[in-house]
Amino acid sequence: MTAIQDKFEFLRAQVIALGDALTDEEMLEDGGARQAHRFGTLYFHPRIGEAFECHGLILETYVDLGQQDSPLGYPLTDEADDPGLPGGRRNDFENGSILFDPVVGISVAFTELFEVTQVVLKVTDDVDLPVDQGGTMSLDDLGAIQGLTPDDPVLA
C-alpha cells in the first residue's frame, strides 16, 4: 500500500470519512502524490514521510493558492481543531498555516520564508557534462569544462 492508501484506511478506522475517491492517486513532478476524495484530499511527499488530509474551506483555500506548488508547500498535519481559538480549525504546512476562525473566516499565515539563489541551466546535447539529470555543478567547474578561468568576465 502507498502512504496515501495507509492514511485513508487509518482515517476510516477513526470514523473520519473522506468519501469515495474522485481520482486515482496522482504522482506529482516533485516526487509527491495526492488523491482527491469526495470530502477532502490526501497529500504525500517523501521528505515529509507521511500523508495528510485537507478538507472544507481550508482545502478550497489551499487549492486556490496552488496546493503543494504554492508557497505553503505540503501539509504537515491533518485539519484539526485550533487549540488557541474556540471553534477554530487549522492545517499546518511546510511554510505556514491555513486557519479557520468562525467569526473571521479563513486566513493564511506564512512562516518566514528565505530565498536560496540557484541557477537552472539547460544544456544542449552537444555539450558533454559529467552530471546526471538533476545533478549539480559549480559555475567554476562548468566554466573549466568550457575552457574558462575563474577570472574570466563571464564567471566574475
N, C-alpha and C. Protein backbone atom coordinates (compact mmCIF):
# COMPACT_ATOMS: atom_id res chain seq x y z
N MET A 1 0.84 -1.20 0.00
CA MET A 1 0.00 0.00 0.00
C MET A 1 0.88 1.25 0.00
N THR A 2 0.34 2.32 -0.53
CA THR A 2 1.06 3.59 -0.53
C THR A 2 0.76 4.34 0.76
N ALA A 3 1.51 5.40 1.02
CA ALA A 3 1.28 6.23 2.20
C ALA A 3 -0.12 6.85 2.17
N ILE A 4 -0.59 7.21 0.99
CA ILE A 4 -1.94 7.79 0.87
C ILE A 4 -2.99 6.73 1.18
N GLN A 5 -2.82 5.53 0.67
CA GLN A 5 -3.78 4.46 0.98
C GLN A 5 -3.76 4.13 2.47
N ASP A 6 -2.57 4.08 3.06
CA ASP A 6 -2.46 3.83 4.51
C ASP A 6 -3.21 4.90 5.31
N LYS A 7 -3.03 6.15 4.92
CA LYS A 7 -3.68 7.25 5.64
C LYS A 7 -5.19 7.17 5.48
N PHE A 8 -5.65 6.87 4.28
CA PHE A 8 -7.09 6.74 4.04
C PHE A 8 -7.68 5.67 4.96
N GLU A 9 -7.02 4.53 5.03
CA GLU A 9 -7.50 3.43 5.88
C GLU A 9 -7.44 3.81 7.36
N PHE A 10 -6.40 4.51 7.77
CA PHE A 10 -6.28 4.97 9.15
C PHE A 10 -7.44 5.91 9.50
N LEU A 11 -7.70 6.88 8.63
CA LEU A 11 -8.79 7.83 8.88
C LEU A 11 -10.14 7.11 8.93
N ARG A 12 -10.33 6.17 8.03
CA ARG A 12 -11.59 5.42 8.01
C ARG A 12 -11.77 4.64 9.32
N ALA A 13 -10.70 4.08 9.85
CA ALA A 13 -10.76 3.36 11.13
C ALA A 13 -11.08 4.30 12.28
N GLN A 14 -10.74 5.59 12.12
CA GLN A 14 -11.05 6.61 13.13
C GLN A 14 -12.43 7.23 12.92
N VAL A 15 -13.19 6.67 12.00
CA VAL A 15 -14.53 7.14 11.61
C VAL A 15 -14.47 8.56 11.04
N ILE A 16 -13.41 8.82 10.30
CA ILE A 16 -13.27 10.07 9.56
C ILE A 16 -13.38 9.69 8.09
N ALA A 17 -14.51 9.99 7.49
CA ALA A 17 -14.78 9.53 6.13
C ALA A 17 -14.50 10.63 5.12
N LEU A 18 -13.52 10.39 4.27
CA LEU A 18 -13.26 11.32 3.16
C LEU A 18 -14.14 11.01 1.96
N GLY A 19 -14.84 9.88 2.01
CA GLY A 19 -15.71 9.50 0.91
C GLY A 19 -14.96 8.79 -0.20
N ASP A 20 -15.69 8.52 -1.26
CA ASP A 20 -15.13 7.80 -2.39
C ASP A 20 -14.03 8.62 -3.07
N ALA A 21 -13.06 7.92 -3.62
CA ALA A 21 -12.00 8.58 -4.37
C ALA A 21 -12.59 9.18 -5.65
N LEU A 22 -12.22 10.41 -5.94
CA LEU A 22 -12.64 11.07 -7.18
C LEU A 22 -11.58 10.92 -8.26
N THR A 23 -10.35 10.65 -7.84
CA THR A 23 -9.25 10.48 -8.78
C THR A 23 -8.42 9.29 -8.32
N ASP A 24 -7.61 8.76 -9.24
CA ASP A 24 -6.59 7.81 -8.85
C ASP A 24 -5.51 8.58 -8.09
N GLU A 25 -4.66 7.87 -7.39
CA GLU A 25 -3.53 8.54 -6.76
C GLU A 25 -2.66 9.12 -7.85
N GLU A 26 -2.39 10.40 -7.76
CA GLU A 26 -1.66 11.13 -8.80
C GLU A 26 -0.22 11.36 -8.36
N MET A 27 0.72 10.88 -9.15
CA MET A 27 2.13 11.12 -8.86
C MET A 27 2.48 12.50 -9.41
N LEU A 28 3.13 13.33 -8.60
CA LEU A 28 3.43 14.71 -8.96
C LEU A 28 4.89 14.85 -9.38
N GLU A 29 5.18 15.90 -10.14
CA GLU A 29 6.51 16.10 -10.71
C GLU A 29 7.60 16.18 -9.67
N ASP A 30 7.28 16.69 -8.48
CA ASP A 30 8.30 16.88 -7.44
C ASP A 30 8.50 15.64 -6.57
N GLY A 31 7.89 14.52 -6.96
CA GLY A 31 8.05 13.28 -6.21
C GLY A 31 6.94 13.02 -5.21
N GLY A 32 6.04 13.98 -5.04
CA GLY A 32 4.91 13.82 -4.13
C GLY A 32 3.75 13.13 -4.81
N ALA A 33 2.65 13.03 -4.07
CA ALA A 33 1.44 12.41 -4.61
C ALA A 33 0.23 13.02 -3.92
N ARG A 34 -0.91 12.90 -4.58
CA ARG A 34 -2.16 13.36 -3.98
C ARG A 34 -3.31 12.53 -4.54
N GLN A 35 -4.39 12.51 -3.77
CA GLN A 35 -5.60 11.84 -4.23
C GLN A 35 -6.80 12.60 -3.68
N ALA A 36 -7.67 13.01 -4.60
CA ALA A 36 -8.89 13.73 -4.23
C ALA A 36 -9.99 12.73 -3.90
N HIS A 37 -10.71 13.02 -2.84
CA HIS A 37 -11.87 12.24 -2.42
C HIS A 37 -13.07 13.18 -2.36
N ARG A 38 -14.23 12.62 -2.19
CA ARG A 38 -15.46 13.42 -2.19
C ARG A 38 -15.44 14.53 -1.13
N PHE A 39 -14.84 14.25 0.03
CA PHE A 39 -14.88 15.22 1.13
C PHE A 39 -13.50 15.72 1.55
N GLY A 40 -12.49 15.52 0.74
CA GLY A 40 -11.16 16.00 1.08
C GLY A 40 -10.11 15.43 0.16
N THR A 41 -8.88 15.88 0.34
CA THR A 41 -7.76 15.42 -0.49
C THR A 41 -6.61 15.03 0.42
N LEU A 42 -5.95 13.94 0.06
CA LEU A 42 -4.77 13.46 0.77
C LEU A 42 -3.53 13.84 -0.02
N TYR A 43 -2.49 14.31 0.70
CA TYR A 43 -1.23 14.73 0.09
C TYR A 43 -0.08 13.98 0.75
N PHE A 44 0.94 13.65 -0.04
CA PHE A 44 2.12 12.97 0.49
C PHE A 44 3.36 13.45 -0.24
N HIS A 45 4.44 13.63 0.49
CA HIS A 45 5.76 13.83 -0.12
C HIS A 45 6.78 13.06 0.71
N PRO A 46 7.72 12.36 0.06
CA PRO A 46 8.70 11.57 0.81
C PRO A 46 9.52 12.36 1.81
N ARG A 47 9.79 13.65 1.55
CA ARG A 47 10.59 14.43 2.51
C ARG A 47 9.85 14.62 3.81
N ILE A 48 8.51 14.51 3.77
CA ILE A 48 7.70 14.63 4.98
C ILE A 48 7.50 13.25 5.60
N GLY A 49 7.32 12.25 4.76
CA GLY A 49 7.28 10.88 5.22
C GLY A 49 5.92 10.37 5.66
N GLU A 50 4.90 11.19 5.56
CA GLU A 50 3.55 10.78 5.98
C GLU A 50 2.53 11.55 5.15
N ALA A 51 1.39 10.95 4.91
CA ALA A 51 0.32 11.62 4.17
C ALA A 51 -0.57 12.38 5.15
N PHE A 52 -1.12 13.51 4.69
CA PHE A 52 -2.04 14.32 5.49
C PHE A 52 -3.21 14.77 4.64
N GLU A 53 -4.32 15.05 5.30
CA GLU A 53 -5.54 15.43 4.59
C GLU A 53 -5.90 16.89 4.82
N CYS A 54 -6.59 17.45 3.84
CA CYS A 54 -7.20 18.78 3.93
C CYS A 54 -8.63 18.63 3.44
N HIS A 55 -9.54 19.44 4.01
CA HIS A 55 -10.92 19.40 3.53
C HIS A 55 -11.59 20.74 3.78
N GLY A 56 -12.80 20.87 3.29
CA GLY A 56 -13.63 22.05 3.54
C GLY A 56 -13.03 23.34 3.02
N LEU A 57 -13.28 24.43 3.77
CA LEU A 57 -12.80 25.75 3.36
C LEU A 57 -11.27 25.84 3.35
N ILE A 58 -10.64 25.10 4.23
CA ILE A 58 -9.18 25.09 4.23
C ILE A 58 -8.67 24.47 2.93
N LEU A 59 -9.26 23.36 2.50
CA LEU A 59 -8.86 22.76 1.22
C LEU A 59 -9.14 23.71 0.07
N GLU A 60 -10.30 24.35 0.06
CA GLU A 60 -10.61 25.30 -1.02
C GLU A 60 -9.55 26.39 -1.11
N THR A 61 -9.14 26.91 0.03
CA THR A 61 -8.11 27.96 0.05
C THR A 61 -6.78 27.43 -0.44
N TYR A 62 -6.42 26.23 0.01
CA TYR A 62 -5.17 25.60 -0.41
C TYR A 62 -5.15 25.39 -1.92
N VAL A 63 -6.25 24.92 -2.48
CA VAL A 63 -6.36 24.73 -3.93
C VAL A 63 -6.23 26.07 -4.65
N ASP A 64 -6.92 27.10 -4.14
CA ASP A 64 -6.84 28.43 -4.76
C ASP A 64 -5.41 28.98 -4.76
N LEU A 65 -4.64 28.64 -3.72
CA LEU A 65 -3.25 29.12 -3.63
C LEU A 65 -2.30 28.34 -4.53
N GLY A 66 -2.72 27.15 -5.00
CA GLY A 66 -1.87 26.34 -5.86
C GLY A 66 -1.46 25.01 -5.25
N GLN A 67 -2.11 24.60 -4.16
CA GLN A 67 -1.85 23.34 -3.48
C GLN A 67 -0.37 23.21 -3.13
N GLN A 68 0.23 22.05 -3.36
CA GLN A 68 1.61 21.80 -2.97
C GLN A 68 2.60 22.68 -3.72
N ASP A 69 2.19 23.25 -4.85
CA ASP A 69 3.07 24.15 -5.60
C ASP A 69 3.02 25.58 -5.09
N SER A 70 2.16 25.84 -4.12
CA SER A 70 2.06 27.18 -3.54
C SER A 70 3.22 27.40 -2.58
N PRO A 71 3.42 28.62 -2.12
CA PRO A 71 4.48 28.86 -1.12
C PRO A 71 4.28 28.07 0.18
N LEU A 72 3.06 27.58 0.43
CA LEU A 72 2.83 26.80 1.65
C LEU A 72 3.51 25.44 1.60
N GLY A 73 3.66 24.85 0.42
CA GLY A 73 4.22 23.51 0.30
C GLY A 73 3.20 22.45 0.69
N TYR A 74 3.68 21.33 1.19
CA TYR A 74 2.83 20.19 1.54
C TYR A 74 2.31 20.31 2.97
N PRO A 75 1.15 19.68 3.24
CA PRO A 75 0.64 19.66 4.61
C PRO A 75 1.56 18.87 5.55
N LEU A 76 1.64 19.36 6.80
CA LEU A 76 2.37 18.68 7.86
C LEU A 76 1.43 18.11 8.91
N THR A 77 0.14 18.49 8.82
CA THR A 77 -0.87 17.99 9.75
C THR A 77 -2.16 17.75 8.99
N ASP A 78 -3.03 16.95 9.59
CA ASP A 78 -4.41 16.86 9.12
C ASP A 78 -5.13 18.11 9.60
N GLU A 79 -6.26 18.42 8.98
CA GLU A 79 -7.08 19.51 9.52
C GLU A 79 -7.52 19.10 10.92
N ALA A 80 -7.41 20.04 11.85
CA ALA A 80 -7.73 19.74 13.25
C ALA A 80 -8.26 20.98 13.94
N ASP A 81 -8.83 20.79 15.13
CA ASP A 81 -9.25 21.92 15.95
C ASP A 81 -8.03 22.78 16.26
N ASP A 82 -8.23 24.08 16.29
CA ASP A 82 -7.17 25.01 16.66
C ASP A 82 -7.26 25.24 18.17
N PRO A 83 -6.30 24.75 18.94
CA PRO A 83 -6.40 24.86 20.39
C PRO A 83 -6.41 26.29 20.90
N GLY A 84 -5.93 27.22 20.11
CA GLY A 84 -5.89 28.62 20.53
C GLY A 84 -7.11 29.42 20.14
N LEU A 85 -8.11 28.77 19.53
CA LEU A 85 -9.26 29.51 19.02
C LEU A 85 -10.52 28.66 19.15
N PRO A 86 -11.42 29.00 20.06
CA PRO A 86 -12.65 28.22 20.20
C PRO A 86 -13.41 28.14 18.88
N GLY A 87 -13.70 26.91 18.45
CA GLY A 87 -14.41 26.70 17.20
C GLY A 87 -13.53 26.82 15.97
N GLY A 88 -12.24 27.10 16.17
CA GLY A 88 -11.32 27.28 15.05
C GLY A 88 -10.77 25.96 14.55
N ARG A 89 -10.31 25.99 13.32
CA ARG A 89 -9.70 24.82 12.68
C ARG A 89 -8.41 25.28 12.02
N ARG A 90 -7.53 24.32 11.75
CA ARG A 90 -6.27 24.67 11.10
C ARG A 90 -5.66 23.46 10.42
N ASN A 91 -4.86 23.74 9.41
CA ASN A 91 -3.92 22.80 8.79
C ASN A 91 -2.58 23.51 8.80
N ASP A 92 -1.53 22.82 9.22
CA ASP A 92 -0.19 23.37 9.15
C ASP A 92 0.52 22.78 7.94
N PHE A 93 1.35 23.60 7.30
CA PHE A 93 2.04 23.24 6.08
C PHE A 93 3.53 23.50 6.27
N GLU A 94 4.32 23.13 5.29
CA GLU A 94 5.77 23.31 5.39
C GLU A 94 6.16 24.75 5.65
N ASN A 95 5.43 25.70 5.09
CA ASN A 95 5.82 27.11 5.19
C ASN A 95 4.71 28.00 5.73
N GLY A 96 3.82 27.45 6.53
CA GLY A 96 2.76 28.28 7.10
C GLY A 96 1.56 27.47 7.50
N SER A 97 0.45 28.16 7.69
CA SER A 97 -0.80 27.53 8.14
C SER A 97 -1.98 28.18 7.44
N ILE A 98 -3.04 27.41 7.28
CA ILE A 98 -4.33 27.96 6.88
C ILE A 98 -5.23 27.77 8.09
N LEU A 99 -5.84 28.87 8.52
CA LEU A 99 -6.64 28.89 9.74
C LEU A 99 -8.09 29.24 9.43
N PHE A 100 -9.00 28.60 10.15
CA PHE A 100 -10.40 28.96 10.04
C PHE A 100 -10.86 29.48 11.40
N ASP A 101 -11.37 30.71 11.42
CA ASP A 101 -11.94 31.33 12.60
C ASP A 101 -13.43 31.48 12.31
N PRO A 102 -14.32 30.94 13.17
CA PRO A 102 -15.75 31.01 12.88
C PRO A 102 -16.29 32.44 12.79
N VAL A 103 -15.57 33.41 13.34
CA VAL A 103 -16.00 34.80 13.26
C VAL A 103 -15.39 35.50 12.06
N VAL A 104 -14.12 35.29 11.82
CA VAL A 104 -13.37 36.00 10.77
C VAL A 104 -13.39 35.25 9.44
N GLY A 105 -13.38 33.92 9.49
CA GLY A 105 -13.29 33.11 8.28
C GLY A 105 -11.89 32.57 8.12
N ILE A 106 -11.47 32.43 6.88
CA ILE A 106 -10.17 31.83 6.55
C ILE A 106 -9.07 32.88 6.54
N SER A 107 -7.91 32.50 7.07
CA SER A 107 -6.72 33.34 6.94
C SER A 107 -5.53 32.42 6.67
N VAL A 108 -4.53 33.00 6.03
CA VAL A 108 -3.31 32.25 5.70
C VAL A 108 -2.16 32.94 6.41
N ALA A 109 -1.38 32.18 7.14
CA ALA A 109 -0.21 32.71 7.84
C ALA A 109 1.02 31.99 7.33
N PHE A 110 1.95 32.74 6.76
CA PHE A 110 3.18 32.16 6.26
C PHE A 110 4.27 32.29 7.30
N THR A 111 5.09 31.24 7.42
CA THR A 111 6.29 31.36 8.24
C THR A 111 7.27 32.20 7.44
N GLU A 112 8.29 32.68 8.10
CA GLU A 112 9.27 33.49 7.41
C GLU A 112 9.97 32.64 6.36
N LEU A 113 9.85 33.05 5.12
CA LEU A 113 10.48 32.31 4.03
C LEU A 113 11.85 32.91 3.74
N PHE A 114 12.76 32.09 3.33
CA PHE A 114 14.05 32.57 2.90
C PHE A 114 14.27 32.10 1.47
N GLU A 115 15.04 32.86 0.74
CA GLU A 115 15.29 32.53 -0.65
C GLU A 115 16.68 31.92 -0.78
N VAL A 116 16.76 30.90 -1.59
CA VAL A 116 18.04 30.29 -1.92
C VAL A 116 18.25 30.53 -3.40
N THR A 117 19.30 31.24 -3.71
CA THR A 117 19.58 31.54 -5.11
C THR A 117 20.11 30.30 -5.80
N GLN A 118 19.54 30.03 -6.96
CA GLN A 118 20.05 28.93 -7.77
C GLN A 118 19.90 29.32 -9.22
N VAL A 119 20.75 28.75 -10.03
CA VAL A 119 20.70 28.96 -11.47
C VAL A 119 20.33 27.63 -12.09
N VAL A 120 19.31 27.63 -12.92
CA VAL A 120 18.94 26.43 -13.66
C VAL A 120 19.44 26.62 -15.08
N LEU A 121 20.22 25.68 -15.53
CA LEU A 121 20.87 25.80 -16.83
C LEU A 121 20.47 24.62 -17.69
N LYS A 122 19.96 24.89 -18.86
CA LYS A 122 19.68 23.83 -19.82
C LYS A 122 20.85 23.77 -20.78
N VAL A 123 21.33 22.56 -21.02
CA VAL A 123 22.50 22.37 -21.85
C VAL A 123 22.10 21.54 -23.06
N THR A 124 22.59 21.93 -24.23
CA THR A 124 22.29 21.18 -25.44
C THR A 124 23.03 19.85 -25.44
N ASP A 125 22.54 18.92 -26.22
CA ASP A 125 23.10 17.57 -26.27
C ASP A 125 24.56 17.54 -26.71
N ASP A 126 25.01 18.56 -27.44
CA ASP A 126 26.38 18.53 -27.94
C ASP A 126 27.41 18.96 -26.89
N VAL A 127 26.96 19.39 -25.70
CA VAL A 127 27.89 19.74 -24.62
C VAL A 127 27.95 18.56 -23.67
N ASP A 128 29.17 18.01 -23.50
CA ASP A 128 29.36 16.84 -22.65
C ASP A 128 29.62 17.29 -21.21
N LEU A 129 28.67 17.01 -20.34
CA LEU A 129 28.82 17.35 -18.92
C LEU A 129 28.79 16.08 -18.09
N PRO A 130 29.70 15.97 -17.13
CA PRO A 130 29.73 14.77 -16.27
C PRO A 130 28.74 14.88 -15.10
N VAL A 131 27.49 15.22 -15.42
CA VAL A 131 26.47 15.38 -14.38
C VAL A 131 25.20 14.69 -14.86
N ASP A 132 24.61 13.90 -13.99
CA ASP A 132 23.34 13.26 -14.32
C ASP A 132 22.21 14.28 -14.27
N GLN A 133 21.09 13.96 -14.92
CA GLN A 133 19.93 14.84 -14.89
C GLN A 133 19.55 15.12 -13.44
N GLY A 134 19.35 16.40 -13.11
CA GLY A 134 19.01 16.79 -11.76
C GLY A 134 20.22 16.99 -10.87
N GLY A 135 21.42 16.70 -11.40
CA GLY A 135 22.64 16.85 -10.62
C GLY A 135 23.06 18.31 -10.54
N THR A 136 24.10 18.57 -9.78
CA THR A 136 24.58 19.93 -9.61
C THR A 136 26.05 20.03 -9.99
N MET A 137 26.46 21.25 -10.31
CA MET A 137 27.85 21.53 -10.66
C MET A 137 28.08 23.01 -10.37
N SER A 138 29.24 23.35 -9.85
CA SER A 138 29.54 24.76 -9.59
C SER A 138 29.76 25.49 -10.92
N LEU A 139 29.59 26.81 -10.88
CA LEU A 139 29.85 27.60 -12.09
C LEU A 139 31.32 27.54 -12.48
N ASP A 140 32.21 27.49 -11.47
CA ASP A 140 33.63 27.38 -11.78
C ASP A 140 33.94 26.09 -12.53
N ASP A 141 33.34 24.97 -12.08
CA ASP A 141 33.56 23.69 -12.76
C ASP A 141 32.98 23.71 -14.17
N LEU A 142 31.80 24.29 -14.32
CA LEU A 142 31.20 24.39 -15.65
C LEU A 142 32.07 25.25 -16.56
N GLY A 143 32.56 26.36 -16.03
CA GLY A 143 33.45 27.22 -16.81
C GLY A 143 34.72 26.51 -17.23
N ALA A 144 35.29 25.71 -16.31
CA ALA A 144 36.52 24.98 -16.61
C ALA A 144 36.29 23.99 -17.74
N ILE A 145 35.14 23.33 -17.76
CA ILE A 145 34.82 22.39 -18.84
C ILE A 145 34.77 23.12 -20.18
N GLN A 146 34.30 24.36 -20.14
CA GLN A 146 34.19 25.15 -21.37
C GLN A 146 35.47 25.94 -21.68
N GLY A 147 36.52 25.74 -20.85
CA GLY A 147 37.80 26.39 -21.10
C GLY A 147 37.90 27.79 -20.52
N LEU A 148 37.01 28.14 -19.60
CA LEU A 148 37.06 29.46 -18.95
C LEU A 148 37.78 29.35 -17.62
N THR A 149 38.36 30.47 -17.19
CA THR A 149 39.03 30.53 -15.88
C THR A 149 38.18 31.36 -14.93
N PRO A 150 38.39 31.20 -13.60
CA PRO A 150 37.57 31.94 -12.64
C PRO A 150 37.64 33.45 -12.79
N ASP A 151 38.74 33.99 -13.38
CA ASP A 151 38.83 35.44 -13.55
C ASP A 151 38.23 35.92 -14.87
N ASP A 152 37.68 35.00 -15.65
CA ASP A 152 37.02 35.34 -16.91
C ASP A 152 35.80 36.22 -16.59
N PRO A 153 35.57 37.29 -17.35
CA PRO A 153 34.43 38.18 -17.06
C PRO A 153 33.08 37.49 -17.12
N VAL A 154 32.98 36.39 -17.83
CA VAL A 154 31.72 35.67 -17.90
C VAL A 154 31.36 35.07 -16.53
N LEU A 155 32.38 34.63 -15.79
CA LEU A 155 32.15 34.00 -14.49
C LEU A 155 32.25 34.99 -13.34
N ALA A 156 32.83 36.12 -13.55
CA ALA A 156 33.03 37.08 -12.45
C ALA A 156 31.75 37.75 -12.05
